[in-house]
PDB file of N, CA and C in Angstrom:
ATOM      1  N   MET A   1      -3.082   6.424 -22.450  1.00  0.00           N
ATOM      2  CA  MET A   1      -2.570   5.485 -21.469  1.00  0.00           C
ATOM      3  C   MET A   1      -3.707   4.693 -20.844  1.00  0.00           C
ATOM      4  N   ASN A   2      -4.968   5.021 -21.199  1.00  0.00           N
ATOM      5  CA  ASN A   2      -6.096   4.301 -20.635  1.00  0.00           C
ATOM      6  C   ASN A   2      -6.320   2.959 -21.306  1.00  0.00           C
ATOM      7  N   GLU A   3      -5.785   2.785 -22.519  1.00  0.00           N
ATOM      8  CA  GLU A   3      -5.997   1.516 -23.186  1.00  0.00           C
ATOM      9  C   GLU A   3      -5.155   0.438 -22.524  1.00  0.00           C
ATOM     10  N   GLN A   4      -5.754  -0.721 -22.370  1.00  0.00           N
ATOM     11  CA  GLN A   4      -5.043  -1.821 -21.743  1.00  0.00           C
ATOM     12  C   GLN A   4      -4.649  -2.815 -22.818  1.00  0.00           C
ATOM     13  N   THR A   5      -3.398  -3.209 -22.781  1.00  0.00           N
ATOM     14  CA  THR A   5      -2.941  -4.197 -23.736  1.00  0.00           C
ATOM     15  C   THR A   5      -3.248  -5.577 -23.184  1.00  0.00           C
ATOM     16  N   PRO A   6      -3.811  -6.437 -24.009  1.00  0.00           N
ATOM     17  CA  PRO A   6      -4.128  -7.774 -23.506  1.00  0.00           C
ATOM     18  C   PRO A   6      -2.848  -8.552 -23.228  1.00  0.00           C
ATOM     19  N   LYS A   7      -2.917  -9.389 -22.214  1.00  0.00           N
ATOM     20  CA  LYS A   7      -1.759 -10.205 -21.867  1.00  0.00           C
ATOM     21  C   LYS A   7      -1.600 -11.306 -22.911  1.00  0.00           C
ATOM     22  N   SER A   8      -0.395 -11.485 -23.364  1.00  0.00           N
ATOM     23  CA  SER A   8      -0.139 -12.545 -24.327  1.00  0.00           C
ATOM     24  C   SER A   8      -0.001 -13.873 -23.593  1.00  0.00           C
ATOM     25  N   SER A   9      -0.084 -14.948 -24.355  1.00  0.00           N
ATOM     26  CA  SER A   9       0.073 -16.263 -23.730  1.00  0.00           C
ATOM     27  C   SER A   9       1.503 -16.450 -23.237  1.00  0.00           C
ATOM     28  N   ALA A  10       2.468 -15.783 -23.884  1.00  0.00           N
ATOM     29  CA  ALA A  10       3.850 -15.861 -23.413  1.00  0.00           C
ATOM     30  C   ALA A  10       3.981 -15.205 -22.042  1.00  0.00           C
ATOM     31  N   ASP A  11       3.312 -14.056 -21.851  1.00  0.00           N
ATOM     32  CA  ASP A  11       3.342 -13.403 -20.539  1.00  0.00           C
ATOM     33  C   ASP A  11       2.676 -14.280 -19.485  1.00  0.00           C
ATOM     34  N   ASN A  12       1.579 -14.921 -19.859  1.00  0.00           N
ATOM     35  CA  ASN A  12       0.918 -15.823 -18.909  1.00  0.00           C
ATOM     36  C   ASN A  12       1.838 -16.976 -18.528  1.00  0.00           C
ATOM     37  N   PHE A  13       2.566 -17.499 -19.500  1.00  0.00           N
ATOM     38  CA  PHE A  13       3.502 -18.587 -19.220  1.00  0.00           C
ATOM     39  C   PHE A  13       4.633 -18.103 -18.316  1.00  0.00           C
ATOM     40  N   LYS A  14       5.117 -16.891 -18.547  1.00  0.00           N
ATOM     41  CA  LYS A  14       6.178 -16.325 -17.707  1.00  0.00           C
ATOM     42  C   LYS A  14       5.680 -16.124 -16.275  1.00  0.00           C
ATOM     43  N   LEU A  15       4.441 -15.662 -16.137  1.00  0.00           N
ATOM     44  CA  LEU A  15       3.867 -15.509 -14.799  1.00  0.00           C
ATOM     45  C   LEU A  15       3.688 -16.864 -14.121  1.00  0.00           C
ATOM     46  N   LEU A  16       3.359 -17.883 -14.895  1.00  0.00           N
ATOM     47  CA  LEU A  16       3.243 -19.230 -14.346  1.00  0.00           C
ATOM     48  C   LEU A  16       4.599 -19.732 -13.857  1.00  0.00           C
ATOM     49  N   ILE A  17       5.650 -19.437 -14.610  1.00  0.00           N
ATOM     50  CA  ILE A  17       7.003 -19.812 -14.179  1.00  0.00           C
ATOM     51  C   ILE A  17       7.355 -19.088 -12.878  1.00  0.00           C
ATOM     52  N   ALA A  18       7.029 -17.793 -12.805  1.00  0.00           N
ATOM     53  CA  ALA A  18       7.305 -17.029 -11.580  1.00  0.00           C
ATOM     54  C   ALA A  18       6.541 -17.613 -10.398  1.00  0.00           C
ATOM     55  N   ALA A  19       5.278 -17.976 -10.622  1.00  0.00           N
ATOM     56  CA  ALA A  19       4.484 -18.578  -9.546  1.00  0.00           C
ATOM     57  C   ALA A  19       5.064 -19.928  -9.136  1.00  0.00           C
ATOM     58  N   ALA A  20       5.608 -20.672 -10.097  1.00  0.00           N
ATOM     59  CA  ALA A  20       6.224 -21.960  -9.771  1.00  0.00           C
ATOM     60  C   ALA A  20       7.468 -21.761  -8.903  1.00  0.00           C
ATOM     61  N   PHE A  21       8.282 -20.768  -9.227  1.00  0.00           N
ATOM     62  CA  PHE A  21       9.449 -20.491  -8.388  1.00  0.00           C
ATOM     63  C   PHE A  21       9.023 -20.062  -6.988  1.00  0.00           C
ATOM     64  N   LEU A  22       8.003 -19.222  -6.918  1.00  0.00           N
ATOM     65  CA  LEU A  22       7.511 -18.770  -5.619  1.00  0.00           C
ATOM     66  C   LEU A  22       6.965 -19.945  -4.809  1.00  0.00           C
ATOM     67  N   GLY A  23       6.120 -20.738  -5.434  1.00  0.00           N
ATOM     68  CA  GLY A  23       5.562 -21.901  -4.742  1.00  0.00           C
ATOM     69  C   GLY A  23       6.625 -22.921  -4.382  1.00  0.00           C
ATOM     70  N   GLY A  24       7.589 -23.125  -5.272  1.00  0.00           N
ATOM     71  CA  GLY A  24       8.667 -24.063  -4.980  1.00  0.00           C
ATOM     72  C   GLY A  24       9.518 -23.611  -3.810  1.00  0.00           C
ATOM     73  N   GLY A  25       9.779 -22.321  -3.733  1.00  0.00           N
ATOM     74  CA  GLY A  25      10.550 -21.803  -2.603  1.00  0.00           C
ATOM     75  C   GLY A  25       9.818 -21.958  -1.290  1.00  0.00           C
ATOM     76  N   ILE A  26       8.519 -21.707  -1.312  1.00  0.00           N
ATOM     77  CA  ILE A  26       7.724 -21.859  -0.091  1.00  0.00           C
ATOM     78  C   ILE A  26       7.623 -23.336   0.292  1.00  0.00           C
ATOM     79  N   TRP A  27       7.439 -24.209  -0.710  1.00  0.00           N
ATOM     80  CA  TRP A  27       7.368 -25.641  -0.424  1.00  0.00           C
ATOM     81  C   TRP A  27       8.699 -26.151   0.126  1.00  0.00           C
ATOM     82  N   ALA A  28       9.806 -25.707  -0.454  1.00  0.00           N
ATOM     83  CA  ALA A  28      11.119 -26.180  -0.019  1.00  0.00           C
ATOM     84  C   ALA A  28      11.413 -25.752   1.413  1.00  0.00           C
ATOM     85  N   TYR A  29      10.871 -24.605   1.831  1.00  0.00           N
ATOM     86  CA  TYR A  29      11.071 -24.152   3.210  1.00  0.00           C
ATOM     87  C   TYR A  29      10.520 -25.172   4.195  1.00  0.00           C
ATOM     88  N   ASP A  30       9.368 -25.717   3.879  1.00  0.00           N
ATOM     89  CA  ASP A  30       8.739 -26.673   4.788  1.00  0.00           C
ATOM     90  C   ASP A  30       9.062 -28.114   4.420  1.00  0.00           C
ATOM     91  N   GLY A  31       9.339 -28.362   3.145  1.00  0.00           N
ATOM     92  CA  GLY A  31       9.503 -29.730   2.683  1.00  0.00           C
ATOM     93  C   GLY A  31      10.891 -30.307   2.870  1.00  0.00           C
ATOM     94  N   VAL A  32      11.912 -29.480   2.880  1.00  0.00           N
ATOM     95  CA  VAL A  32      13.283 -29.975   3.008  1.00  0.00           C
ATOM     96  C   VAL A  32      13.667 -29.937   4.480  1.00  0.00           C
ATOM     97  N   LYS A  33      13.965 -31.107   5.027  1.00  0.00           N
ATOM     98  CA  LYS A  33      14.286 -31.203   6.459  1.00  0.00           C
ATOM     99  C   LYS A  33      15.781 -31.442   6.649  1.00  0.00           C
ATOM    100  N   GLY A  34      16.270 -31.104   7.822  1.00  0.00           N
ATOM    101  CA  GLY A  34      17.635 -31.416   8.186  1.00  0.00           C
ATOM    102  C   GLY A  34      18.668 -30.385   7.769  1.00  0.00           C
ATOM    103  N   LEU A  35      18.240 -29.243   7.290  1.00  0.00           N
ATOM    104  CA  LEU A  35      19.181 -28.191   6.904  1.00  0.00           C
ATOM    105  C   LEU A  35      19.230 -27.126   7.991  1.00  0.00           C
ATOM    106  N   PRO A  36      20.323 -26.383   8.072  1.00  0.00           N
ATOM    107  CA  PRO A  36      20.361 -25.274   9.035  1.00  0.00           C
ATOM    108  C   PRO A  36      19.266 -24.246   8.719  1.00  0.00           C
ATOM    109  N   PRO A  37      18.799 -23.539   9.736  1.00  0.00           N
ATOM    110  CA  PRO A  37      17.690 -22.594   9.520  1.00  0.00           C
ATOM    111  C   PRO A  37      18.000 -21.512   8.484  1.00  0.00           C
ATOM    112  N   TYR A  38      19.242 -21.022   8.457  1.00  0.00           N
ATOM    113  CA  TYR A  38      19.545 -19.961   7.497  1.00  0.00           C
ATOM    114  C   TYR A  38      19.533 -20.488   6.065  1.00  0.00           C
ATOM    115  N   VAL A  39      19.889 -21.743   5.863  1.00  0.00           N
ATOM    116  CA  VAL A  39      19.809 -22.336   4.525  1.00  0.00           C
ATOM    117  C   VAL A  39      18.347 -22.584   4.174  1.00  0.00           C
ATOM    118  N   ASN A  40      17.586 -23.051   5.146  1.00  0.00           N
ATOM    119  CA  ASN A  40      16.166 -23.303   4.925  1.00  0.00           C
ATOM    120  C   ASN A  40      15.424 -22.015   4.587  1.00  0.00           C
ATOM    121  N   LEU A  41      15.826 -20.915   5.202  1.00  0.00           N
ATOM    122  CA  LEU A  41      15.188 -19.628   4.931  1.00  0.00           C
ATOM    123  C   LEU A  41      15.572 -19.083   3.561  1.00  0.00           C
ATOM    124  N   ALA A  42      16.678 -19.556   3.013  1.00  0.00           N
ATOM    125  CA  ALA A  42      17.116 -19.082   1.699  1.00  0.00           C
ATOM    126  C   ALA A  42      16.173 -19.543   0.591  1.00  0.00           C
ATOM    127  N   PHE A  43      15.472 -20.653   0.785  1.00  0.00           N
ATOM    128  CA  PHE A  43      14.568 -21.151  -0.249  1.00  0.00           C
ATOM    129  C   PHE A  43      13.421 -20.182  -0.545  1.00  0.00           C
ATOM    130  N   PRO A  44      12.612 -19.762   0.442  1.00  0.00           N
ATOM    131  CA  PRO A  44      11.530 -18.829   0.097  1.00  0.00           C
ATOM    132  C   PRO A  44      12.048 -17.463  -0.336  1.00  0.00           C
ATOM    133  N   ILE A  45      13.148 -17.010   0.263  1.00  0.00           N
ATOM    134  CA  ILE A  45      13.695 -15.714  -0.146  1.00  0.00           C
ATOM    135  C   ILE A  45      14.162 -15.785  -1.594  1.00  0.00           C
ATOM    136  N   GLY A  46      14.852 -16.867  -1.939  1.00  0.00           N
ATOM    137  CA  GLY A  46      15.290 -17.046  -3.322  1.00  0.00           C
ATOM    138  C   GLY A  46      14.119 -17.172  -4.275  1.00  0.00           C
ATOM    139  N   GLY A  47      13.085 -17.905  -3.867  1.00  0.00           N
ATOM    140  CA  GLY A  47      11.897 -18.039  -4.710  1.00  0.00           C
ATOM    141  C   GLY A  47      11.225 -16.710  -4.972  1.00  0.00           C
ATOM    142  N   VAL A  48      11.115 -15.891  -3.925  1.00  0.00           N
ATOM    143  CA  VAL A  48      10.500 -14.567  -4.083  1.00  0.00           C
ATOM    144  C   VAL A  48      11.356 -13.692  -4.993  1.00  0.00           C
ATOM    145  N   LEU A  49      12.670 -13.695  -4.778  1.00  0.00           N
ATOM    146  CA  LEU A  49      13.551 -12.858  -5.599  1.00  0.00           C
ATOM    147  C   LEU A  49      13.526 -13.279  -7.066  1.00  0.00           C
ATOM    148  N   ILE A  50      13.576 -14.572  -7.328  1.00  0.00           N
ATOM    149  CA  ILE A  50      13.529 -15.038  -8.715  1.00  0.00           C
ATOM    150  C   ILE A  50      12.182 -14.698  -9.344  1.00  0.00           C
ATOM    151  N   ALA A  51      11.085 -14.877  -8.591  1.00  0.00           N
ATOM    152  CA  ALA A  51       9.760 -14.540  -9.117  1.00  0.00           C
ATOM    153  C   ALA A  51       9.666 -13.052  -9.431  1.00  0.00           C
ATOM    154  N   LEU A  52      10.201 -12.204  -8.548  1.00  0.00           N
ATOM    155  CA  LEU A  52      10.174 -10.763  -8.807  1.00  0.00           C
ATOM    156  C   LEU A  52      11.013 -10.399 -10.027  1.00  0.00           C
ATOM    157  N   LEU A  53      12.168 -11.017 -10.165  1.00  0.00           N
ATOM    158  CA  LEU A  53      12.998 -10.756 -11.345  1.00  0.00           C
ATOM    159  C   LEU A  53      12.275 -11.156 -12.626  1.00  0.00           C
ATOM    160  N   ILE A  54      11.615 -12.296 -12.604  1.00  0.00           N
ATOM    161  CA  ILE A  54      10.878 -12.739 -13.791  1.00  0.00           C
ATOM    162  C   ILE A  54       9.759 -11.765 -14.116  1.00  0.00           C
ATOM    163  N   VAL A  55       8.992 -11.373 -13.100  1.00  0.00           N
ATOM    164  CA  VAL A  55       7.845 -10.497 -13.345  1.00  0.00           C
ATOM    165  C   VAL A  55       8.290  -9.114 -13.808  1.00  0.00           C
ATOM    166  N   PHE A  56       9.293  -8.544 -13.141  1.00  0.00           N
ATOM    167  CA  PHE A  56       9.645  -7.160 -13.438  1.00  0.00           C
ATOM    168  C   PHE A  56      10.563  -6.991 -14.641  1.00  0.00           C
ATOM    169  N   PHE A  57      11.349  -7.981 -14.980  1.00  0.00           N
ATOM    170  CA  PHE A  57      12.311  -7.784 -16.061  1.00  0.00           C
ATOM    171  C   PHE A  57      12.072  -8.675 -17.268  1.00  0.00           C
ATOM    172  N   TRP A  58      11.177  -9.650 -17.155  1.00  0.00           N
ATOM    173  CA  TRP A  58      10.948 -10.545 -18.264  1.00  0.00           C
ATOM    174  C   TRP A  58       9.534 -10.406 -18.824  1.00  0.00           C
ATOM    175  N   CYS A  59       8.588  -9.998 -17.991  1.00  0.00           N
ATOM    176  CA  CYS A  59       7.198  -9.843 -18.417  1.00  0.00           C
ATOM    177  C   CYS A  59       6.929  -8.399 -18.824  1.00  0.00           C
ATOM    178  N   ASP A  60       6.035  -8.236 -19.789  1.00  0.00           N
ATOM    179  CA  ASP A  60       5.672  -6.897 -20.239  1.00  0.00           C
ATOM    180  C   ASP A  60       4.960  -6.129 -19.131  1.00  0.00           C
ATOM    181  N   MET A  61       4.143  -6.823 -18.344  1.00  0.00           N
ATOM    182  CA  MET A  61       3.413  -6.177 -17.256  1.00  0.00           C
ATOM    183  C   MET A  61       4.373  -5.546 -16.250  1.00  0.00           C
ATOM    184  N   GLY A  62       5.423  -6.262 -15.897  1.00  0.00           N
ATOM    185  CA  GLY A  62       6.400  -5.736 -14.945  1.00  0.00           C
ATOM    186  C   GLY A  62       7.169  -4.556 -15.502  1.00  0.00           C
ATOM    187  N   ARG A  63       7.523  -4.628 -16.787  1.00  0.00           N
ATOM    188  CA  ARG A  63       8.230  -3.497 -17.401  1.00  0.00           C
ATOM    189  C   ARG A  63       7.346  -2.257 -17.445  1.00  0.00           C
ATOM    190  N   ARG A  64       6.047  -2.460 -17.725  1.00  0.00           N
ATOM    191  CA  ARG A  64       5.131  -1.312 -17.709  1.00  0.00           C
ATOM    192  C   ARG A  64       5.002  -0.732 -16.312  1.00  0.00           C
ATOM    193  N   LEU A  65       4.966  -1.591 -15.294  1.00  0.00           N
ATOM    194  CA  LEU A  65       4.883  -1.108 -13.914  1.00  0.00           C
ATOM    195  C   LEU A  65       6.132  -0.326 -13.540  1.00  0.00           C
ATOM    196  N   LEU A  66       7.303  -0.833 -13.914  1.00  0.00           N
ATOM    197  CA  LEU A  66       8.545  -0.103 -13.634  1.00  0.00           C
ATOM    198  C   LEU A  66       8.574   1.240 -14.363  1.00  0.00           C
ATOM    199  N   ARG A  67       8.094   1.267 -15.608  1.00  0.00           N
ATOM    200  CA  ARG A  67       8.031   2.526 -16.356  1.00  0.00           C
ATOM    201  C   ARG A  67       7.076   3.507 -15.671  1.00  0.00           C
ATOM    202  N   TYR A  68       5.939   3.001 -15.195  1.00  0.00           N
ATOM    203  CA  TYR A  68       4.978   3.850 -14.487  1.00  0.00           C
ATOM    204  C   TYR A  68       5.595   4.430 -13.216  1.00  0.00           C
ATOM    205  N   ILE A  69       6.312   3.604 -12.454  1.00  0.00           N
ATOM    206  CA  ILE A  69       6.952   4.083 -11.222  1.00  0.00           C
ATOM    207  C   ILE A  69       8.002   5.128 -11.553  1.00  0.00           C
ATOM    208  N   ARG A  70       8.789   4.884 -12.600  1.00  0.00           N
ATOM    209  CA  ARG A  70       9.822   5.838 -13.003  1.00  0.00           C
ATOM    210  C   ARG A  70       9.186   7.170 -13.433  1.00  0.00           C
ATOM    211  N   ASP A  71       8.117   7.102 -14.229  1.00  0.00           N
ATOM    212  CA  ASP A  71       7.432   8.324 -14.655  1.00  0.00           C
ATOM    213  C   ASP A  71       6.794   9.049 -13.475  1.00  0.00           C
ATOM    214  N   SER A  72       6.255   8.298 -12.521  1.00  0.00           N
ATOM    215  CA  SER A  72       5.636   8.921 -11.345  1.00  0.00           C
ATOM    216  C   SER A  72       6.663   9.651 -10.499  1.00  0.00           C
ATOM    217  N   THR A  73       7.830   9.053 -10.303  1.00  0.00           N
ATOM    218  CA  THR A  73       8.861   9.746  -9.518  1.00  0.00           C
ATOM    219  C   THR A  73       9.354  10.986 -10.247  1.00  0.00           C
ATOM    220  N   THR A  74       9.404  10.942 -11.573  1.00  0.00           N
ATOM    221  CA  THR A  74       9.779  12.137 -12.335  1.00  0.00           C
ATOM    222  C   THR A  74       8.753  13.240 -12.127  1.00  0.00           C
ATOM    223  N   GLU A  75       7.465  12.894 -12.140  1.00  0.00           N
ATOM    224  CA  GLU A  75       6.418  13.896 -11.939  1.00  0.00           C
ATOM    225  C   GLU A  75       6.441  14.453 -10.520  1.00  0.00           C
ATOM    226  N   VAL A  76       6.735  13.615  -9.528  1.00  0.00           N
ATOM    227  CA  VAL A  76       6.803  14.096  -8.141  1.00  0.00           C
ATOM    228  C   VAL A  76       7.936  15.100  -7.990  1.00  0.00           C
ATOM    229  N   LYS A  77       9.025  14.886  -8.697  1.00  0.00           N
ATOM    230  CA  LYS A  77      10.142  15.831  -8.629  1.00  0.00           C
ATOM    231  C   LYS A  77       9.784  17.173  -9.250  1.00  0.00           C
ATOM    232  N   LYS A  78       8.810  17.195 -10.168  1.00  0.00           N
ATOM    233  CA  LYS A  78       8.402  18.442 -10.812  1.00  0.00           C
ATOM    234  C   LYS A  78       7.457  19.268  -9.946  1.00  0.00           C
ATOM    235  N   VAL A  79       6.886  18.672  -8.907  1.00  0.00           N
ATOM    236  CA  VAL A  79       5.915  19.366  -8.063  1.00  0.00           C
ATOM    237  C   VAL A  79       6.616  20.469  -7.279  1.00  0.00           C
ATOM    238  N   VAL A  80       5.970  21.626  -7.196  1.00  0.00           N
ATOM    239  CA  VAL A  80       6.501  22.735  -6.404  1.00  0.00           C
ATOM    240  C   VAL A  80       5.904  22.606  -5.008  1.00  0.00           C
ATOM    241  N   TRP A  81       6.735  22.253  -4.056  1.00  0.00           N
ATOM    242  CA  TRP A  81       6.281  22.046  -2.693  1.00  0.00           C
ATOM    243  C   TRP A  81       6.298  23.377  -1.950  1.00  0.00           C
ATOM    244  N   PRO A  82       5.387  23.566  -0.983  1.00  0.00           N
ATOM    245  CA  PRO A  82       5.362  24.836  -0.242  1.00  0.00           C
ATOM    246  C   PRO A  82       6.595  24.979   0.647  1.00  0.00           C
ATOM    247  N   LYS A  83       6.919  26.229   0.938  1.00  0.00           N
ATOM    248  CA  LYS A  83       8.039  26.502   1.842  1.00  0.00           C
ATOM    249  C   LYS A  83       7.639  26.083   3.253  1.00  0.00           C
ATOM    250  N   ARG A  84       8.623  25.904   4.109  1.00  0.00           N
ATOM    251  CA  ARG A  84       8.377  25.413   5.466  1.00  0.00           C
ATOM    252  C   ARG A  84       7.428  26.313   6.257  1.00  0.00           C
ATOM    253  N   PRO A  85       7.591  27.646   6.250  1.00  0.00           N
ATOM    254  CA  PRO A  85       6.645  28.469   7.025  1.00  0.00           C
ATOM    255  C   PRO A  85       5.200  28.318   6.546  1.00  0.00           C
ATOM    256  N   ASP A  86       5.008  28.214   5.229  1.00  0.00           N
ATOM    257  CA  ASP A  86       3.650  28.028   4.714  1.00  0.00           C
ATOM    258  C   ASP A  86       3.075  26.679   5.149  1.00  0.00           C
ATOM    259  N   ALA A  87       3.899  25.649   5.089  1.00  0.00           N
ATOM    260  CA  ALA A  87       3.429  24.322   5.487  1.00  0.00           C
ATOM    261  C   ALA A  87       3.090  24.284   6.975  1.00  0.00           C
ATOM    262  N   VAL A  88       3.921  24.922   7.809  1.00  0.00           N
ATOM    263  CA  VAL A  88       3.661  24.952   9.256  1.00  0.00           C
ATOM    264  C   VAL A  88       2.386  25.736   9.538  1.00  0.00           C
ATOM    265  N   ARG A  89       2.198  26.863   8.863  1.00  0.00           N
ATOM    266  CA  ARG A  89       1.005  27.684   9.076  1.00  0.00           C
ATOM    267  C   ARG A  89      -0.260  26.914   8.688  1.00  0.00           C
ATOM    268  N   MET A  90      -0.236  26.258   7.544  1.00  0.00           N
ATOM    269  CA  MET A  90      -1.411  25.504   7.117  1.00  0.00           C
ATOM    270  C   MET A  90      -1.672  24.316   8.050  1.00  0.00           C
ATOM    271  N   THR A  91      -0.613  23.687   8.542  1.00  0.00           N
ATOM    272  CA  THR A  91      -0.780  22.585   9.492  1.00  0.00           C
ATOM    273  C   THR A  91      -1.421  23.081  10.779  1.00  0.00           C
ATOM    274  N   MET A  92      -1.009  24.241  11.254  1.00  0.00           N
ATOM    275  CA  MET A  92      -1.609  24.812  12.465  1.00  0.00           C
ATOM    276  C   MET A  92      -3.079  25.146  12.240  1.00  0.00           C
ATOM    277  N   PHE A  93      -3.419  25.665  11.051  1.00  0.00           N
ATOM    278  CA  PHE A  93      -4.824  25.932  10.739  1.00  0.00           C
ATOM    279  C   PHE A  93      -5.638  24.639  10.787  1.00  0.00           C
ATOM    280  N   VAL A  94      -5.104  23.577  10.236  1.00  0.00           N
ATOM    281  CA  VAL A  94      -5.820  22.304  10.226  1.00  0.00           C
ATOM    282  C   VAL A  94      -5.992  21.775  11.650  1.00  0.00           C
ATOM    283  N   ILE A  95      -4.933  21.830  12.452  1.00  0.00           N
ATOM    284  CA  ILE A  95      -5.019  21.354  13.838  1.00  0.00           C
ATOM    285  C   ILE A  95      -6.036  22.181  14.622  1.00  0.00           C
ATOM    286  N   LEU A  96      -6.013  23.494  14.457  1.00  0.00           N
ATOM    287  CA  LEU A  96      -6.966  24.369  15.141  1.00  0.00           C
ATOM    288  C   LEU A  96      -8.393  24.069  14.698  1.00  0.00           C
ATOM    289  N   PHE A  97      -8.600  23.897  13.390  1.00  0.00           N
ATOM    290  CA  PHE A  97      -9.934  23.597  12.888  1.00  0.00           C
ATOM    291  C   PHE A  97     -10.442  22.270  13.449  1.00  0.00           C
ATOM    292  N   VAL A  98      -9.592  21.259  13.487  1.00  0.00           N
ATOM    293  CA  VAL A  98      -9.998  19.955  14.015  1.00  0.00           C
ATOM    294  C   VAL A  98     -10.350  20.068  15.492  1.00  0.00           C
ATOM    295  N   ALA A  99      -9.575  20.831  16.259  1.00  0.00           N
ATOM    296  CA  ALA A  99      -9.859  20.992  17.687  1.00  0.00           C
ATOM    297  C   ALA A  99     -11.188  21.715  17.895  1.00  0.00           C
ATOM    298  N   VAL A 100     -11.422  22.796  17.154  1.00  0.00           N
ATOM    299  CA  VAL A 100     -12.679  23.547  17.291  1.00  0.00           C
ATOM    300  C   VAL A 100     -13.858  22.682  16.861  1.00  0.00           C
ATOM    301  N   PHE A 101     -13.706  21.969  15.765  1.00  0.00           N
ATOM    302  CA  PHE A 101     -14.795  21.127  15.285  1.00  0.00           C
ATOM    303  C   PHE A 101     -15.086  19.989  16.262  1.00  0.00           C
ATOM    304  N   ALA A 102     -14.040  19.404  16.861  1.00  0.00           N
ATOM    305  CA  ALA A 102     -14.243  18.347  17.853  1.00  0.00           C
ATOM    306  C   ALA A 102     -14.969  18.893  19.078  1.00  0.00           C
ATOM    307  N   ALA A 103     -14.608  20.101  19.511  1.00  0.00           N
ATOM    308  CA  ALA A 103     -15.298  20.713  20.646  1.00  0.00           C
ATOM    309  C   ALA A 103     -16.763  20.979  20.298  1.00  0.00           C
ATOM    310  N   PHE A 104     -17.028  21.437  19.083  1.00  0.00           N
ATOM    311  CA  PHE A 104     -18.399  21.691  18.644  1.00  0.00           C
ATOM    312  C   PHE A 104     -19.209  20.396  18.637  1.00  0.00           C
ATOM    313  N   ILE A 105     -18.654  19.346  18.060  1.00  0.00           N
ATOM    314  CA  ILE A 105     -19.361  18.065  18.010  1.00  0.00           C
ATOM    315  C   ILE A 105     -19.591  17.531  19.422  1.00  0.00           C
ATOM    316  N   GLY A 106     -18.593  17.657  20.300  1.00  0.00           N
ATOM    317  CA  GLY A 106     -18.757  17.218  21.688  1.00  0.00           C
ATOM    318  C   GLY A 106     -19.838  18.012  22.399  1.00  0.00           C
ATOM    319  N   GLY A 107     -19.885  19.323  22.172  1.00  0.00           N
ATOM    320  CA  GLY A 107     -20.915  20.162  22.783  1.00  0.00           C
ATOM    321  C   GLY A 107     -22.306  19.805  22.293  1.00  0.00           C
ATOM    322  N   VAL A 108     -22.458  19.619  20.997  1.00  0.00           N
ATOM    323  CA  VAL A 108     -23.760  19.247  20.444  1.00  0.00           C
ATOM    324  C   VAL A 108     -24.184  17.879  20.973  1.00  0.00           C
ATOM    325  N   ASP A 109     -23.257  16.957  21.067  1.00  0.00           N
ATOM    326  CA  ASP A 109     -23.564  15.629  21.592  1.00  0.00           C
ATOM    327  C   ASP A 109     -24.016  15.712  23.047  1.00  0.00           C
ATOM    328  N   SER A 110     -23.322  16.506  23.844  1.00  0.00           N
ATOM    329  CA  SER A 110     -23.707  16.668  25.250  1.00  0.00           C
ATOM    330  C   SER A 110     -25.079  17.317  25.366  1.00  0.00           C
ATOM    331  N   LEU A 111     -25.346  18.322  24.551  1.00  0.00           N
ATOM    332  CA  LEU A 111     -26.642  19.000  24.575  1.00  0.00           C
ATOM    333  C   LEU A 111     -27.767  18.037  24.202  1.00  0.00           C
ATOM    334  N   ILE A 112     -27.564  17.257  23.167  1.00  0.00           N
ATOM    335  CA  ILE A 112     -28.587  16.292  22.759  1.00  0.00           C
ATOM    336  C   ILE A 112     -28.788  15.239  23.848  1.00  0.00           C
ATOM    337  N   SER A 113     -27.709  14.791  24.474  1.00  0.00           N
ATOM    338  CA  SER A 113     -27.837  13.815  25.566  1.00  0.00           C
ATOM    339  C   SER A 113     -28.630  14.400  26.723  1.00  0.00           C
ATOM    340  N   LEU A 114     -28.342  15.653  27.091  1.00  0.00           N
ATOM    341  CA  LEU A 114     -29.088  16.296  28.174  1.00  0.00           C
ATOM    342  C   LEU A 114     -30.565  16.427  27.824  1.00  0.00           C
ATOM    343  N   LEU A 115     -30.861  16.824  26.588  1.00  0.00           N
ATOM    344  CA  LEU A 115     -32.259  16.965  26.177  1.00  0.00           C
ATOM    345  C   LEU A 115     -32.978  15.620  26.185  1.00  0.00           C
ATOM    346  N   PHE A 116     -32.358  14.583  25.678  1.00  0.00           N
ATOM    347  CA  PHE A 116     -32.987  13.267  25.691  1.00  0.00           C
ATOM    348  C   PHE A 116     -33.220  12.778  27.110  1.00  0.00           C
ATOM    349  N   ASN A 117     -32.219  12.959  27.981  1.00  0.00           N
ATOM    350  CA  ASN A 117     -32.391  12.540  29.375  1.00  0.00           C
ATOM    351  C   ASN A 117     -33.507  13.329  30.047  1.00  0.00           C
ATOM    352  N   ALA A 118     -33.585  14.625  29.759  1.00  0.00           N
ATOM    353  CA  ALA A 118     -34.641  15.447  30.360  1.00  0.00           C
ATOM    354  C   ALA A 118     -36.013  15.007  29.872  1.00  0.00           C
ATOM    355  N   VAL A 119     -36.127  14.708  28.590  1.00  0.00           N
ATOM    356  CA  VAL A 119     -37.419  14.301  28.036  1.00  0.00           C
ATOM    357  C   VAL A 119     -37.795  12.906  28.532  1.00  0.00           C
ATOM    358  N   LEU A 120     -36.850  12.001  28.534  1.00  0.00           N
ATOM    359  CA  LEU A 120     -37.165  10.626  28.925  1.00  0.00           C
ATOM    360  C   LEU A 120     -37.418  10.490  30.423  1.00  0.00           C
ATOM    361  N   LEU A 121     -36.711  11.264  31.254  1.00  0.00           N
ATOM    362  CA  LEU A 121     -36.903  11.164  32.696  1.00  0.00           C
ATOM    363  C   LEU A 121     -38.149  11.902  33.155  1.00  0.00           C
ATOM    364  N   LYS A 122     -38.598  12.901  32.414  1.00  0.00           N
ATOM    365  CA  LYS A 122     -39.808  13.645  32.796  1.00  0.00           C
ATOM    366  C   LYS A 122     -41.064  12.875  32.411  1.00  0.00           C
ATOM    367  N   GLY A 123     -40.960  12.018  31.400  1.00  0.00           N
ATOM    368  CA  GLY A 123     -42.123  11.321  30.868  1.00  0.00           C
ATOM    369  C   GLY A 123     -42.593  10.262  31.763  1.00  0.00           C
TER     370      GLY A 123
END
């Protein structure tokens, strides 16, 4: 799965069409005057939706991305997740460790500040 397939010129043309729909929708939002706001807002939304449909269902790149997402969700479903008591216990360990470590760092910082102030004020 590490090999990358080169994009064909047909895919590039399809992506150009998608970009044209996207750009046209954005241009129509600002370029067409005198329409109600909800109709005016339909232009960029329609442009985005058409561009997404072209990319995901007409281009090879989009189909590969959809296949990857589908395979990833299948793999996530196969993961054995910890039971609730184990997850709560590990979360408490992490919170406790972070609190102790923060106190340690704060103490060391205060000690170093006191030492620097003592050295600089005595000099």
